[in-house]
Amino acid sequence: MQLGAFSISLAVKNLDASRIFYEKFGFKAFTGGASMNYLIMKNGDHVIGLFQGMFEKNTLTFNPGWDSNAQQLSTFTDVRDLQRQLKAQGVAFQVEADESTTGPASFFVLDPDGNPILIDQHV
C-alpha cells in the first residue's frame, strides 16, 4: 500500500510563534502563509504542517500522488483505492472519499488511540 508523502499536521495556537520555534530546528517555510492560516515547513525530507484553527488535534497526513516536495508522482495508488483496501480490512472511517469521483479527494480515520489520520490526495 503506497500512501504517498508523509507529514505531521500540527494544530497550533499561534502560527508565527510556531514558525519561529521550528525554524530553530532548521525547518524552512515551503508553502502556505499567515493569510491562509497554515504553513508547510521542511527540513530536508522532513515535512511538518502548522495549521492554525483548521484541525482540533495533531494529525498524521499522507498525500497519495505526491513526493516530499509536493511534486506529482508518475504512478501512485489513488485515494479511493486505498479507502477500498482499508474498508476490506475492517477499518472504520470518520469521513470517506466519494468513490464515484476522480482526482483530488480525502478520507479521515482514527487509530485505536484516537489519533487522526488524514489521507489527502491533491492530484
PDB file of N, CA and C in Angstrom:
ATOM      1  N   MET A   1       0.857  -1.174   0.000  1.00  0.00           N
ATOM      2  CA  MET A   1       0.000   0.000   0.000  1.00  0.00           C
ATOM      3  C   MET A   1       0.900   1.233   0.000  1.00  0.00           C
ATOM      4  N   GLN A   2       0.807   2.014  -1.053  1.00  0.00           N
ATOM      5  CA  GLN A   2       1.598   3.244  -1.185  1.00  0.00           C
ATOM      6  C   GLN A   2       0.748   4.430  -0.754  1.00  0.00           C
ATOM      7  N   LEU A   3       1.139   5.075   0.341  1.00  0.00           N
ATOM      8  CA  LEU A   3       0.350   6.166   0.908  1.00  0.00           C
ATOM      9  C   LEU A   3       0.775   7.546   0.431  1.00  0.00           C
ATOM     10  N   GLY A   4       1.911   7.662  -0.231  1.00  0.00           N
ATOM     11  CA  GLY A   4       2.389   8.956  -0.697  1.00  0.00           C
ATOM     12  C   GLY A   4       3.223   9.664   0.345  1.00  0.00           C
ATOM     13  N   ALA A   5       3.411  10.949   0.151  1.00  0.00           N
ATOM     14  CA  ALA A   5       4.250  11.762   1.039  1.00  0.00           C
ATOM     15  C   ALA A   5       3.655  11.797   2.441  1.00  0.00           C
ATOM     16  N   PHE A   6       4.527  11.789   3.452  1.00  0.00           N
ATOM     17  CA  PHE A   6       4.092  11.832   4.848  1.00  0.00           C
ATOM     18  C   PHE A   6       4.487  13.149   5.502  1.00  0.00           C
ATOM     19  N   SER A   7       3.593  13.655   6.335  1.00  0.00           N
ATOM     20  CA  SER A   7       3.910  14.810   7.183  1.00  0.00           C
ATOM     21  C   SER A   7       3.053  14.726   8.434  1.00  0.00           C
ATOM     22  N   ILE A   8       3.439  15.491   9.415  1.00  0.00           N
ATOM     23  CA  ILE A   8       2.616  15.644  10.605  1.00  0.00           C
ATOM     24  C   ILE A   8       1.968  17.021  10.513  1.00  0.00           C
ATOM     25  N   SER A   9       0.664  17.057  10.687  1.00  0.00           N
ATOM     26  CA  SER A   9      -0.084  18.316  10.664  1.00  0.00           C
ATOM     27  C   SER A   9      -0.340  18.717  12.103  1.00  0.00           C
ATOM     28  N   LEU A  10       0.279  19.810  12.530  1.00  0.00           N
ATOM     29  CA  LEU A  10       0.179  20.252  13.911  1.00  0.00           C
ATOM     30  C   LEU A  10      -0.895  21.328  14.068  1.00  0.00           C
ATOM     31  N   ALA A  11      -1.780  21.106  15.018  1.00  0.00           N
ATOM     32  CA  ALA A  11      -2.803  22.107  15.362  1.00  0.00           C
ATOM     33  C   ALA A  11      -2.133  23.131  16.274  1.00  0.00           C
ATOM     34  N   VAL A  12      -1.847  24.316  15.751  1.00  0.00           N
ATOM     35  CA  VAL A  12      -1.109  25.322  16.516  1.00  0.00           C
ATOM     36  C   VAL A  12      -2.027  26.473  16.923  1.00  0.00           C
ATOM     37  N   LYS A  13      -1.669  27.122  18.016  1.00  0.00           N
ATOM     38  CA  LYS A  13      -2.444  28.266  18.519  1.00  0.00           C
ATOM     39  C   LYS A  13      -1.984  29.577  17.909  1.00  0.00           C
ATOM     40  N   ASN A  14      -0.682  29.652  17.586  1.00  0.00           N
ATOM     41  CA  ASN A  14      -0.113  30.886  17.044  1.00  0.00           C
ATOM     42  C   ASN A  14       0.853  30.503  15.929  1.00  0.00           C
ATOM     43  N   LEU A  15       0.433  30.730  14.713  1.00  0.00           N
ATOM     44  CA  LEU A  15       1.212  30.306  13.548  1.00  0.00           C
ATOM     45  C   LEU A  15       2.613  30.920  13.550  1.00  0.00           C
ATOM     46  N   ASP A  16       2.713  32.199  13.824  1.00  0.00           N
ATOM     47  CA  ASP A  16       4.016  32.866  13.785  1.00  0.00           C
ATOM     48  C   ASP A  16       4.943  32.347  14.880  1.00  0.00           C
ATOM     49  N   ALA A  17       4.431  32.172  16.088  1.00  0.00           N
ATOM     50  CA  ALA A  17       5.255  31.644  17.184  1.00  0.00           C
ATOM     51  C   ALA A  17       5.741  30.232  16.859  1.00  0.00           C
ATOM     52  N   SER A  18       4.874  29.423  16.263  1.00  0.00           N
ATOM     53  CA  SER A  18       5.267  28.058  15.900  1.00  0.00           C
ATOM     54  C   SER A  18       6.308  28.065  14.786  1.00  0.00           C
ATOM     55  N   ARG A  19       6.130  28.961  13.804  1.00  0.00           N
ATOM     56  CA  ARG A  19       7.112  29.070  12.724  1.00  0.00           C
ATOM     57  C   ARG A  19       8.487  29.401  13.294  1.00  0.00           C
ATOM     58  N   ILE A  20       8.543  30.395  14.156  1.00  0.00           N
ATOM     59  CA  ILE A  20       9.817  30.809  14.760  1.00  0.00           C
ATOM     60  C   ILE A  20      10.441  29.649  15.534  1.00  0.00           C
ATOM     61  N   PHE A  21       9.625  28.923  16.285  1.00  0.00           N
ATOM     62  CA  PHE A  21      10.129  27.792  17.063  1.00  0.00           C
ATOM     63  C   PHE A  21      10.737  26.726  16.151  1.00  0.00           C
ATOM     64  N   TYR A  22      10.017  26.315  15.111  1.00  0.00           N
ATOM     65  CA  TYR A  22      10.509  25.239  14.242  1.00  0.00           C
ATOM     66  C   TYR A  22      11.674  25.681  13.358  1.00  0.00           C
ATOM     67  N   GLU A  23      11.786  26.981  13.093  1.00  0.00           N
ATOM     68  CA  GLU A  23      12.969  27.473  12.377  1.00  0.00           C
ATOM     69  C   GLU A  23      14.237  27.199  13.188  1.00  0.00           C
ATOM     70  N   LYS A  24      14.143  27.213  14.512  1.00  0.00           N
ATOM     71  CA  LYS A  24      15.297  26.919  15.363  1.00  0.00           C
ATOM     72  C   LYS A  24      15.793  25.490  15.173  1.00  0.00           C
ATOM     73  N   PHE A  25      14.921  24.604  14.679  1.00  0.00           N
ATOM     74  CA  PHE A  25      15.284  23.211  14.405  1.00  0.00           C
ATOM     75  C   PHE A  25      15.706  23.015  12.950  1.00  0.00           C
ATOM     76  N   GLY A  26      15.826  24.111  12.216  1.00  0.00           N
ATOM     77  CA  GLY A  26      16.275  24.041  10.837  1.00  0.00           C
ATOM     78  C   GLY A  26      15.175  23.925   9.802  1.00  0.00           C
ATOM     79  N   PHE A  27      13.909  24.009  10.218  1.00  0.00           N
ATOM     80  CA  PHE A  27      12.805  23.960   9.255  1.00  0.00           C
ATOM     81  C   PHE A  27      12.683  25.313   8.558  1.00  0.00           C
ATOM     82  N   LYS A  28      12.351  25.264   7.281  1.00  0.00           N
ATOM     83  CA  LYS A  28      12.160  26.474   6.485  1.00  0.00           C
ATOM     84  C   LYS A  28      10.786  26.419   5.828  1.00  0.00           C
ATOM     85  N   ALA A  29      10.168  27.594   5.678  1.00  0.00           N
ATOM     86  CA  ALA A  29       8.856  27.669   5.037  1.00  0.00           C
ATOM     87  C   ALA A  29       8.940  27.111   3.628  1.00  0.00           C
ATOM     88  N   PHE A  30       7.961  26.308   3.266  1.00  0.00           N
ATOM     89  CA  PHE A  30       7.905  25.678   1.950  1.00  0.00           C
ATOM     90  C   PHE A  30       6.718  26.220   1.155  1.00  0.00           C
ATOM     91  N   THR A  31       5.564  26.275   1.787  1.00  0.00           N
ATOM     92  CA  THR A  31       4.375  26.820   1.142  1.00  0.00           C
ATOM     93  C   THR A  31       3.367  27.220   2.215  1.00  0.00           C
ATOM     94  N   GLY A  32       2.364  27.967   1.805  1.00  0.00           N
ATOM     95  CA  GLY A  32       1.362  28.455   2.738  1.00  0.00           C
ATOM     96  C   GLY A  32       1.742  29.826   3.252  1.00  0.00           C
ATOM     97  N   GLY A  33       1.057  30.277   4.293  1.00  0.00           N
ATOM     98  CA  GLY A  33       1.361  31.576   4.876  1.00  0.00           C
ATOM     99  C   GLY A  33       0.291  32.011   5.850  1.00  0.00           C
ATOM    100  N   ALA A  34       0.564  33.097   6.548  1.00  0.00           N
ATOM    101  CA  ALA A  34      -0.338  33.593   7.589  1.00  0.00           C
ATOM    102  C   ALA A  34      -1.733  33.892   7.044  1.00  0.00           C
ATOM    103  N   SER A  35      -1.837  34.413   5.844  1.00  0.00           N
ATOM    104  CA  SER A  35      -3.148  34.754   5.288  1.00  0.00           C
ATOM    105  C   SER A  35      -4.011  33.518   5.030  1.00  0.00           C
ATOM    106  N   MET A  36      -3.363  32.348   4.939  1.00  0.00           N
ATOM    107  CA  MET A  36      -4.087  31.101   4.701  1.00  0.00           C
ATOM    108  C   MET A  36      -4.234  30.270   5.976  1.00  0.00           C
ATOM    109  N   ASN A  37      -3.681  30.754   7.084  1.00  0.00           N
ATOM    110  CA  ASN A  37      -3.720  30.082   8.389  1.00  0.00           C
ATOM    111  C   ASN A  37      -2.996  28.741   8.408  1.00  0.00           C
ATOM    112  N   TYR A  38      -2.074  28.541   7.491  1.00  0.00           N
ATOM    113  CA  TYR A  38      -1.239  27.342   7.545  1.00  0.00           C
ATOM    114  C   TYR A  38       0.116  27.623   6.916  1.00  0.00           C
ATOM    115  N   LEU A  39       1.083  26.819   7.321  1.00  0.00           N
ATOM    116  CA  LEU A  39       2.431  26.924   6.793  1.00  0.00           C
ATOM    117  C   LEU A  39       3.016  25.525   6.755  1.00  0.00           C
ATOM    118  N   ILE A  40       3.489  25.120   5.591  1.00  0.00           N
ATOM    119  CA  ILE A  40       4.182  23.849   5.446  1.00  0.00           C
ATOM    120  C   ILE A  40       5.671  24.163   5.517  1.00  0.00           C
ATOM    121  N   MET A  41       6.378  23.429   6.383  1.00  0.00           N
ATOM    122  CA  MET A  41       7.804  23.669   6.590  1.00  0.00           C
ATOM    123  C   MET A  41       8.576  22.383   6.314  1.00  0.00           C
ATOM    124  N   LYS A  42       9.814  22.554   5.821  1.00  0.00           N
ATOM    125  CA  LYS A  42      10.660  21.406   5.503  1.00  0.00           C
ATOM    126  C   LYS A  42      12.035  21.559   6.127  1.00  0.00           C
ATOM    127  N   ASN A  43      12.588  20.423   6.472  1.00  0.00           N
ATOM    128  CA  ASN A  43      13.984  20.298   6.876  1.00  0.00           C
ATOM    129  C   ASN A  43      14.464  19.038   6.184  1.00  0.00           C
ATOM    130  N   GLY A  44      15.144  19.194   5.058  1.00  0.00           N
ATOM    131  CA  GLY A  44      15.500  18.033   4.233  1.00  0.00           C
ATOM    132  C   GLY A  44      14.230  17.381   3.727  1.00  0.00           C
ATOM    133  N   ASP A  45      14.091  16.075   3.963  1.00  0.00           N
ATOM    134  CA  ASP A  45      12.888  15.356   3.548  1.00  0.00           C
ATOM    135  C   ASP A  45      11.797  15.371   4.611  1.00  0.00           C
ATOM    136  N   HIS A  46      12.065  15.987   5.757  1.00  0.00           N
ATOM    137  CA  HIS A  46      11.087  16.029   6.847  1.00  0.00           C
ATOM    138  C   HIS A  46      10.130  17.194   6.627  1.00  0.00           C
ATOM    139  N   VAL A  47       8.838  16.898   6.747  1.00  0.00           N
ATOM    140  CA  VAL A  47       7.808  17.899   6.469  1.00  0.00           C
ATOM    141  C   VAL A  47       6.868  17.989   7.670  1.00  0.00           C
ATOM    142  N   ILE A  48       6.610  19.211   8.109  1.00  0.00           N
ATOM    143  CA  ILE A  48       5.581  19.464   9.109  1.00  0.00           C
ATOM    144  C   ILE A  48       4.642  20.533   8.569  1.00  0.00           C
ATOM    145  N   GLY A  49       3.396  20.413   8.920  1.00  0.00           N
ATOM    146  CA  GLY A  49       2.409  21.421   8.581  1.00  0.00           C
ATOM    147  C   GLY A  49       1.938  22.091   9.859  1.00  0.00           C
ATOM    148  N   LEU A  50       1.926  23.399   9.872  1.00  0.00           N
ATOM    149  CA  LEU A  50       1.416  24.166  11.004  1.00  0.00           C
ATOM    150  C   LEU A  50       0.056  24.721  10.589  1.00  0.00           C
ATOM    151  N   PHE A  51      -0.987  24.354  11.325  1.00  0.00           N
ATOM    152  CA  PHE A  51      -2.349  24.720  10.952  1.00  0.00           C
ATOM    153  C   PHE A  51      -3.029  25.406  12.121  1.00  0.00           C
ATOM    154  N   GLN A  52      -3.336  26.678  11.941  1.00  0.00           N
ATOM    155  CA  GLN A  52      -3.994  27.458  12.997  1.00  0.00           C
ATOM    156  C   GLN A  52      -5.493  27.473  12.740  1.00  0.00           C
ATOM    157  N   GLY A  53      -6.253  26.890  13.668  1.00  0.00           N
ATOM    158  CA  GLY A  53      -7.717  26.897  13.560  1.00  0.00           C
ATOM    159  C   GLY A  53      -8.280  25.950  12.520  1.00  0.00           C
ATOM    160  N   MET A  54      -7.509  25.005  12.029  1.00  0.00           N
ATOM    161  CA  MET A  54      -8.000  24.110  10.982  1.00  0.00           C
ATOM    162  C   MET A  54      -8.215  22.680  11.461  1.00  0.00           C
ATOM    163  N   PHE A  55      -7.437  22.236  12.436  1.00  0.00           N
ATOM    164  CA  PHE A  55      -7.555  20.883  12.974  1.00  0.00           C
ATOM    165  C   PHE A  55      -7.720  20.969  14.483  1.00  0.00           C
ATOM    166  N   GLU A  56      -8.503  20.051  15.050  1.00  0.00           N
ATOM    167  CA  GLU A  56      -8.655  20.003  16.504  1.00  0.00           C
ATOM    168  C   GLU A  56      -7.442  19.369  17.163  1.00  0.00           C
ATOM    169  N   LYS A  57      -6.857  18.371  16.495  1.00  0.00           N
ATOM    170  CA  LYS A  57      -5.747  17.614  17.070  1.00  0.00           C
ATOM    171  C   LYS A  57      -4.629  17.501  16.040  1.00  0.00           C
ATOM    172  N   ASN A  58      -3.434  17.218  16.520  1.00  0.00           N
ATOM    173  CA  ASN A  58      -2.331  16.901  15.616  1.00  0.00           C
ATOM    174  C   ASN A  58      -2.734  15.681  14.801  1.00  0.00           C
ATOM    175  N   THR A  59      -2.360  15.670  13.519  1.00  0.00           N
ATOM    176  CA  THR A  59      -2.853  14.663  12.593  1.00  0.00           C
ATOM    177  C   THR A  59      -1.723  14.115  11.743  1.00  0.00           C
ATOM    178  N   LEU A  60      -1.685  12.791  11.594  1.00  0.00           N
ATOM    179  CA  LEU A  60      -0.771  12.169  10.640  1.00  0.00           C
ATOM    180  C   LEU A  60      -1.373  12.384   9.255  1.00  0.00           C
ATOM    181  N   THR A  61      -0.579  12.859   8.310  1.00  0.00           N
ATOM    182  CA  THR A  61      -1.099  13.165   6.978  1.00  0.00           C
ATOM    183  C   THR A  61      -0.279  12.451   5.914  1.00  0.00           C
ATOM    184  N   PHE A  62      -0.983  11.819   4.974  1.00  0.00           N
ATOM    185  CA  PHE A  62      -0.367  11.170   3.827  1.00  0.00           C
ATOM    186  C   PHE A  62      -0.994  11.754   2.567  1.00  0.00           C
ATOM    187  N   ASN A  63      -0.155  12.020   1.553  1.00  0.00           N
ATOM    188  CA  ASN A  63      -0.625  12.619   0.300  1.00  0.00           C
ATOM    189  C   ASN A  63      -0.328  11.701  -0.873  1.00  0.00           C
ATOM    190  N   PRO A  64      -1.289  10.834  -1.229  1.00  0.00           N
ATOM    191  CA  PRO A  64      -1.092   9.997  -2.414  1.00  0.00           C
ATOM    192  C   PRO A  64      -0.847  10.863  -3.647  1.00  0.00           C
ATOM    193  N   GLY A  65       0.087  10.444  -4.459  1.00  0.00           N
ATOM    194  CA  GLY A  65       0.369  11.170  -5.702  1.00  0.00           C
ATOM    195  C   GLY A  65       1.447  12.214  -5.590  1.00  0.00           C
ATOM    196  N   TRP A  66       1.935  12.467  -4.378  1.00  0.00           N
ATOM    197  CA  TRP A  66       2.973  13.475  -4.179  1.00  0.00           C
ATOM    198  C   TRP A  66       4.224  12.863  -3.578  1.00  0.00           C
ATOM    199  N   ASP A  67       5.372  13.453  -3.941  1.00  0.00           N
ATOM    200  CA  ASP A  67       6.606  13.154  -3.219  1.00  0.00           C
ATOM    201  C   ASP A  67       6.759  14.204  -2.117  1.00  0.00           C
ATOM    202  N   SER A  68       7.858  14.171  -1.375  1.00  0.00           N
ATOM    203  CA  SER A  68       8.021  15.080  -0.236  1.00  0.00           C
ATOM    204  C   SER A  68       8.208  16.539  -0.639  1.00  0.00           C
ATOM    205  N   ASN A  69       8.352  16.802  -1.950  1.00  0.00           N
ATOM    206  CA  ASN A  69       8.447  18.175  -2.447  1.00  0.00           C
ATOM    207  C   ASN A  69       7.154  18.639  -3.109  1.00  0.00           C
ATOM    208  N   ALA A  70       6.059  17.902  -2.853  1.00  0.00           N
ATOM    209  CA  ALA A  70       4.746  18.199  -3.428  1.00  0.00           C
ATOM    210  C   ALA A  70       4.763  18.144  -4.951  1.00  0.00           C
ATOM    211  N   GLN A  71       5.638  17.302  -5.482  1.00  0.00           N
ATOM    212  CA  GLN A  71       5.696  17.084  -6.926  1.00  0.00           C
ATOM    213  C   GLN A  71       4.899  15.821  -7.246  1.00  0.00           C
ATOM    214  N   GLN A  72       4.132  15.879  -8.324  1.00  0.00           N
ATOM    215  CA  GLN A  72       3.285  14.751  -8.683  1.00  0.00           C
ATOM    216  C   GLN A  72       4.118  13.548  -9.107  1.00  0.00           C
ATOM    217  N   LEU A  73       3.743  12.381  -8.592  1.00  0.00           N
ATOM    218  CA  LEU A  73       4.393  11.130  -8.969  1.00  0.00           C
ATOM    219  C   LEU A  73       3.777  10.611 -10.263  1.00  0.00           C
ATOM    220  N   SER A  74       4.562   9.914 -11.074  1.00  0.00           N
ATOM    221  CA  SER A  74       4.037   9.389 -12.337  1.00  0.00           C
ATOM    222  C   SER A  74       3.058   8.244 -12.100  1.00  0.00           C
ATOM    223  N   THR A  75       3.276   7.456 -11.058  1.00  0.00           N
ATOM    224  CA  THR A  75       2.340   6.398 -10.687  1.00  0.00           C
ATOM    225  C   THR A  75       2.122   6.446  -9.185  1.00  0.00           C
ATOM    226  N   PHE A  76       0.904   6.182  -8.766  1.00  0.00           N
ATOM    227  CA  PHE A  76       0.567   6.168  -7.353  1.00  0.00           C
ATOM    228  C   PHE A  76      -0.765   5.458  -7.163  1.00  0.00           C
ATOM    229  N   THR A  77      -1.040   5.080  -5.932  1.00  0.00           N
ATOM    230  CA  THR A  77      -2.312   4.445  -5.595  1.00  0.00           C
ATOM    231  C   THR A  77      -3.325   5.533  -5.256  1.00  0.00           C
ATOM    232  N   ASP A  78      -4.425   5.550  -5.990  1.00  0.00           N
ATOM    233  CA  ASP A  78      -5.465   6.560  -5.800  1.00  0.00           C
ATOM    234  C   ASP A  78      -6.091   6.435  -4.410  1.00  0.00           C
ATOM    235  N   VAL A  79      -6.473   7.562  -3.844  1.00  0.00           N
ATOM    236  CA  VAL A  79      -7.062   7.621  -2.510  1.00  0.00           C
ATOM    237  C   VAL A  79      -8.283   6.703  -2.389  1.00  0.00           C
ATOM    238  N   ARG A  80      -9.077   6.582  -3.454  1.00  0.00           N
ATOM    239  CA  ARG A  80     -10.268   5.733  -3.411  1.00  0.00           C
ATOM    240  C   ARG A  80      -9.893   4.253  -3.354  1.00  0.00           C
ATOM    241  N   ASP A  81      -8.787   3.884  -4.037  1.00  0.00           N
ATOM    242  CA  ASP A  81      -8.299   2.502  -3.952  1.00  0.00           C
ATOM    243  C   ASP A  81      -7.786   2.201  -2.549  1.00  0.00           C
ATOM    244  N   LEU A  82      -7.081   3.155  -1.945  1.00  0.00           N
ATOM    245  CA  LEU A  82      -6.615   2.988  -0.568  1.00  0.00           C
ATOM    246  C   LEU A  82      -7.802   2.804   0.373  1.00  0.00           C
ATOM    247  N   GLN A  83      -8.839   3.608   0.172  1.00  0.00           N
ATOM    248  CA  GLN A  83     -10.037   3.520   1.002  1.00  0.00           C
ATOM    249  C   GLN A  83     -10.674   2.140   0.877  1.00  0.00           C
ATOM    250  N   ARG A  84     -10.809   1.628  -0.344  1.00  0.00           N
ATOM    251  CA  ARG A  84     -11.399   0.303  -0.547  1.00  0.00           C
ATOM    252  C   ARG A  84     -10.565  -0.779   0.140  1.00  0.00           C
ATOM    253  N   GLN A  85      -9.233  -0.674   0.028  1.00  0.00           N
ATOM    254  CA  GLN A  85      -8.356  -1.661   0.664  1.00  0.00           C
ATOM    255  C   GLN A  85      -8.524  -1.642   2.186  1.00  0.00           C
ATOM    256  N   LEU A  86      -8.589  -0.454   2.758  1.00  0.00           N
ATOM    257  CA  LEU A  86      -8.733  -0.336   4.214  1.00  0.00           C
ATOM    258  C   LEU A  86     -10.114  -0.793   4.683  1.00  0.00           C
ATOM    259  N   LYS A  87     -11.156  -0.472   3.917  1.00  0.00           N
ATOM    260  CA  LYS A  87     -12.507  -0.941   4.249  1.00  0.00           C
ATOM    261  C   LYS A  87     -12.545  -2.463   4.271  1.00  0.00           C
ATOM    262  N   ALA A  88     -11.894  -3.084   3.286  1.00  0.00           N
ATOM    263  CA  ALA A  88     -11.873  -4.541   3.199  1.00  0.00           C
ATOM    264  C   ALA A  88     -11.192  -5.168   4.424  1.00  0.00           C
ATOM    265  N   GLN A  89     -10.339  -4.384   5.091  1.00  0.00           N
ATOM    266  CA  GLN A  89      -9.655  -4.863   6.289  1.00  0.00           C
ATOM    267  C   GLN A  89     -10.383  -4.455   7.576  1.00  0.00           C
ATOM    268  N   GLY A  90     -11.560  -3.858   7.429  1.00  0.00           N
ATOM    269  CA  GLY A  90     -12.374  -3.533   8.590  1.00  0.00           C
ATOM    270  C   GLY A  90     -12.077  -2.202   9.250  1.00  0.00           C
ATOM    271  N   VAL A  91     -11.326  -1.324   8.591  1.00  0.00           N
ATOM    272  CA  VAL A  91     -11.033  -0.007   9.163  1.00  0.00           C
ATOM    273  C   VAL A  91     -12.303   0.849   9.121  1.00  0.00           C
ATOM    274  N   ALA A  92     -12.597   1.504  10.246  1.00  0.00           N
ATOM    275  CA  ALA A  92     -13.754   2.403  10.337  1.00  0.00           C
ATOM    276  C   ALA A  92     -13.342   3.808   9.901  1.00  0.00           C
ATOM    277  N   PHE A  93     -14.214   4.475   9.181  1.00  0.00           N
ATOM    278  CA  PHE A  93     -13.928   5.808   8.631  1.00  0.00           C
ATOM    279  C   PHE A  93     -14.726   6.882   9.350  1.00  0.00           C
ATOM    280  N   GLN A  94     -14.075   8.011   9.601  1.00  0.00           N
ATOM    281  CA  GLN A  94     -14.740   9.195  10.141  1.00  0.00           C
ATOM    282  C   GLN A  94     -15.350  10.002   8.999  1.00  0.00           C
ATOM    283  N   VAL A  95     -14.591  10.134   7.911  1.00  0.00           N
ATOM    284  CA  VAL A  95     -15.014  10.817   6.693  1.00  0.00           C
ATOM    285  C   VAL A  95     -14.509   9.978   5.535  1.00  0.00           C
ATOM    286  N   GLU A  96     -15.354   9.770   4.529  1.00  0.00           N
ATOM    287  CA  GLU A  96     -14.972   8.956   3.382  1.00  0.00           C
ATOM    288  C   GLU A  96     -14.836   9.811   2.121  1.00  0.00           C
ATOM    289  N   ALA A  97     -13.959   9.350   1.225  1.00  0.00           N
ATOM    290  CA  ALA A  97     -13.856   9.937  -0.105  1.00  0.00           C
ATOM    291  C   ALA A  97     -15.011   9.414  -0.943  1.00  0.00           C
ATOM    292  N   ASP A  98     -15.527  10.232  -1.823  1.00  0.00           N
ATOM    293  CA  ASP A  98     -16.591   9.818  -2.744  1.00  0.00           C
ATOM    294  C   ASP A  98     -15.964   8.935  -3.811  1.00  0.00           C
ATOM    295  N   GLU A  99     -16.298   7.669  -3.801  1.00  0.00           N
ATOM    296  CA  GLU A  99     -15.676   6.710  -4.718  1.00  0.00           C
ATOM    297  C   GLU A  99     -16.180   6.828  -6.153  1.00  0.00           C
ATOM    298  N   SER A 100     -17.170   7.673  -6.396  1.00  0.00           N
ATOM    299  CA  SER A 100     -17.666   7.862  -7.760  1.00  0.00           C
ATOM    300  C   SER A 100     -16.907   8.974  -8.491  1.00  0.00           C
ATOM    301  N   THR A 101     -15.945   9.622  -7.800  1.00  0.00           N
ATOM    302  CA  THR A 101     -15.207  10.737  -8.383  1.00  0.00           C
ATOM    303  C   THR A 101     -13.794  10.314  -8.778  1.00  0.00           C
ATOM    304  N   THR A 102     -13.098  11.224  -9.419  1.00  0.00           N
ATOM    305  CA  THR A 102     -11.677  11.056  -9.724  1.00  0.00           C
ATOM    306  C   THR A 102     -10.964  12.326  -9.282  1.00  0.00           C
ATOM    307  N   GLY A 103      -9.633  12.275  -9.230  1.00  0.00           N
ATOM    308  CA  GLY A 103      -8.859  13.461  -8.865  1.00  0.00           C
ATOM    309  C   GLY A 103      -8.792  13.668  -7.368  1.00  0.00           C
ATOM    310  N   PRO A 104      -8.668  14.935  -6.936  1.00  0.00           N
ATOM    311  CA  PRO A 104      -8.500  15.231  -5.517  1.00  0.00           C
ATOM    312  C   PRO A 104      -9.651  14.690  -4.662  1.00  0.00           C
ATOM    313  N   ALA A 105      -9.272  14.108  -3.523  1.00  0.00           N
ATOM    314  CA  ALA A 105     -10.248  13.589  -2.555  1.00  0.00           C
ATOM    315  C   ALA A 105      -9.486  13.235  -1.290  1.00  0.00           C
ATOM    316  N   SER A 106     -10.229  13.019  -0.206  1.00  0.00           N
ATOM    317  CA  SER A 106      -9.573  12.669   1.046  1.00  0.00           C
ATOM    318  C   SER A 106     -10.496  11.831   1.915  1.00  0.00           C
ATOM    319  N   PHE A 107      -9.884  11.164   2.894  1.00  0.00           N
ATOM    320  CA  PHE A 107     -10.653  10.492   3.934  1.00  0.00           C
ATOM    321  C   PHE A 107      -9.914  10.599   5.254  1.00  0.00           C
ATOM    322  N   PHE A 108     -10.676  10.413   6.344  1.00  0.00           N
ATOM    323  CA  PHE A 108     -10.160  10.515   7.706  1.00  0.00           C
ATOM    324  C   PHE A 108     -10.481   9.231   8.447  1.00  0.00           C
ATOM    325  N   VAL A 109      -9.499   8.710   9.178  1.00  0.00           N
ATOM    326  CA  VAL A 109      -9.711   7.589  10.089  1.00  0.00           C
ATOM    327  C   VAL A 109      -9.055   7.936  11.426  1.00  0.00           C
ATOM    328  N   LEU A 110      -9.396   7.176  12.453  1.00  0.00           N
ATOM    329  CA  LEU A 110      -8.752   7.315  13.757  1.00  0.00           C
ATOM    330  C   LEU A 110      -8.050   6.006  14.076  1.00  0.00           C
ATOM    331  N   ASP A 111      -6.845   6.091  14.635  1.00  0.00           N
ATOM    332  CA  ASP A 111      -6.172   4.873  15.068  1.00  0.00           C
ATOM    333  C   ASP A 111      -6.798   4.422  16.397  1.00  0.00           C
ATOM    334  N   PRO A 112      -6.395   3.267  16.937  1.00  0.00           N
ATOM    335  CA  PRO A 112      -7.027   2.758  18.164  1.00  0.00           C
ATOM    336  C   PRO A 112      -6.936   3.702  19.361  1.00  0.00           C
ATOM    337  N   ASP A 113      -6.001   4.653  19.339  1.00  0.00           N
ATOM    338  CA  ASP A 113      -5.863   5.615  20.435  1.00  0.00           C
ATOM    339  C   ASP A 113      -6.537   6.950  20.144  1.00  0.00           C
ATOM    340  N   GLY A 114      -7.258   7.024  19.034  1.00  0.00           N
ATOM    341  CA  GLY A 114      -7.966   8.253  18.692  1.00  0.00           C
ATOM    342  C   GLY A 114      -7.146   9.272  17.930  1.00  0.00           C
ATOM    343  N   ASN A 115      -5.941   8.874  17.479  1.00  0.00           N
ATOM    344  CA  ASN A 115      -5.112   9.790  16.688  1.00  0.00           C
ATOM    345  C   ASN A 115      -5.659   9.882  15.263  1.00  0.00           C
ATOM    346  N   PRO A 116      -5.909  11.090  14.778  1.00  0.00           N
ATOM    347  CA  PRO A 116      -6.438  11.257  13.430  1.00  0.00           C
ATOM    348  C   PRO A 116      -5.385  10.956  12.362  1.00  0.00           C
ATOM    349  N   ILE A 117      -5.845  10.306  11.309  1.00  0.00           N
ATOM    350  CA  ILE A 117      -5.018  10.043  10.126  1.00  0.00           C
ATOM    351  C   ILE A 117      -5.783  10.563   8.920  1.00  0.00           C
ATOM    352  N   LEU A 118      -5.164  11.483   8.197  1.00  0.00           N
ATOM    353  CA  LEU A 118      -5.771  12.080   7.000  1.00  0.00           C
ATOM    354  C   LEU A 118      -5.043  11.566   5.784  1.00  0.00           C
ATOM    355  N   ILE A 119      -5.779  10.999   4.850  1.00  0.00           N
ATOM    356  CA  ILE A 119      -5.243  10.622   3.542  1.00  0.00           C
ATOM    357  C   ILE A 119      -5.820  11.652   2.577  1.00  0.00           C
ATOM    358  N   ASP A 120      -4.957  12.534   2.076  1.00  0.00           N
ATOM    359  CA  ASP A 120      -5.395  13.739   1.359  1.00  0.00           C
ATOM    360  C   ASP A 120      -4.705  13.826   0.011  1.00  0.00           C
ATOM    361  N   GLN A 121      -5.418  13.454  -1.044  1.00  0.00           N
ATOM    362  CA  GLN A 121      -4.874  13.444  -2.391  1.00  0.00           C
ATOM    363  C   GLN A 121      -5.210  14.764  -3.092  1.00  0.00           C
ATOM    364  N   HIS A 122      -4.185  15.448  -3.598  1.00  0.00           N
ATOM    365  CA  HIS A 122      -4.363  16.751  -4.247  1.00  0.00           C
ATOM    366  C   HIS A 122      -4.334  16.676  -5.774  1.00  0.00           C
ATOM    367  N   VAL A 123      -4.064  15.521  -6.322  1.00  0.00           N
ATOM    368  CA  VAL A 123      -3.957  15.379  -7.788  1.00  0.00           C
ATOM    369  C   VAL A 123      -4.999  14.422  -8.321  1.00  0.00           C
TER     370      VAL A 123
END
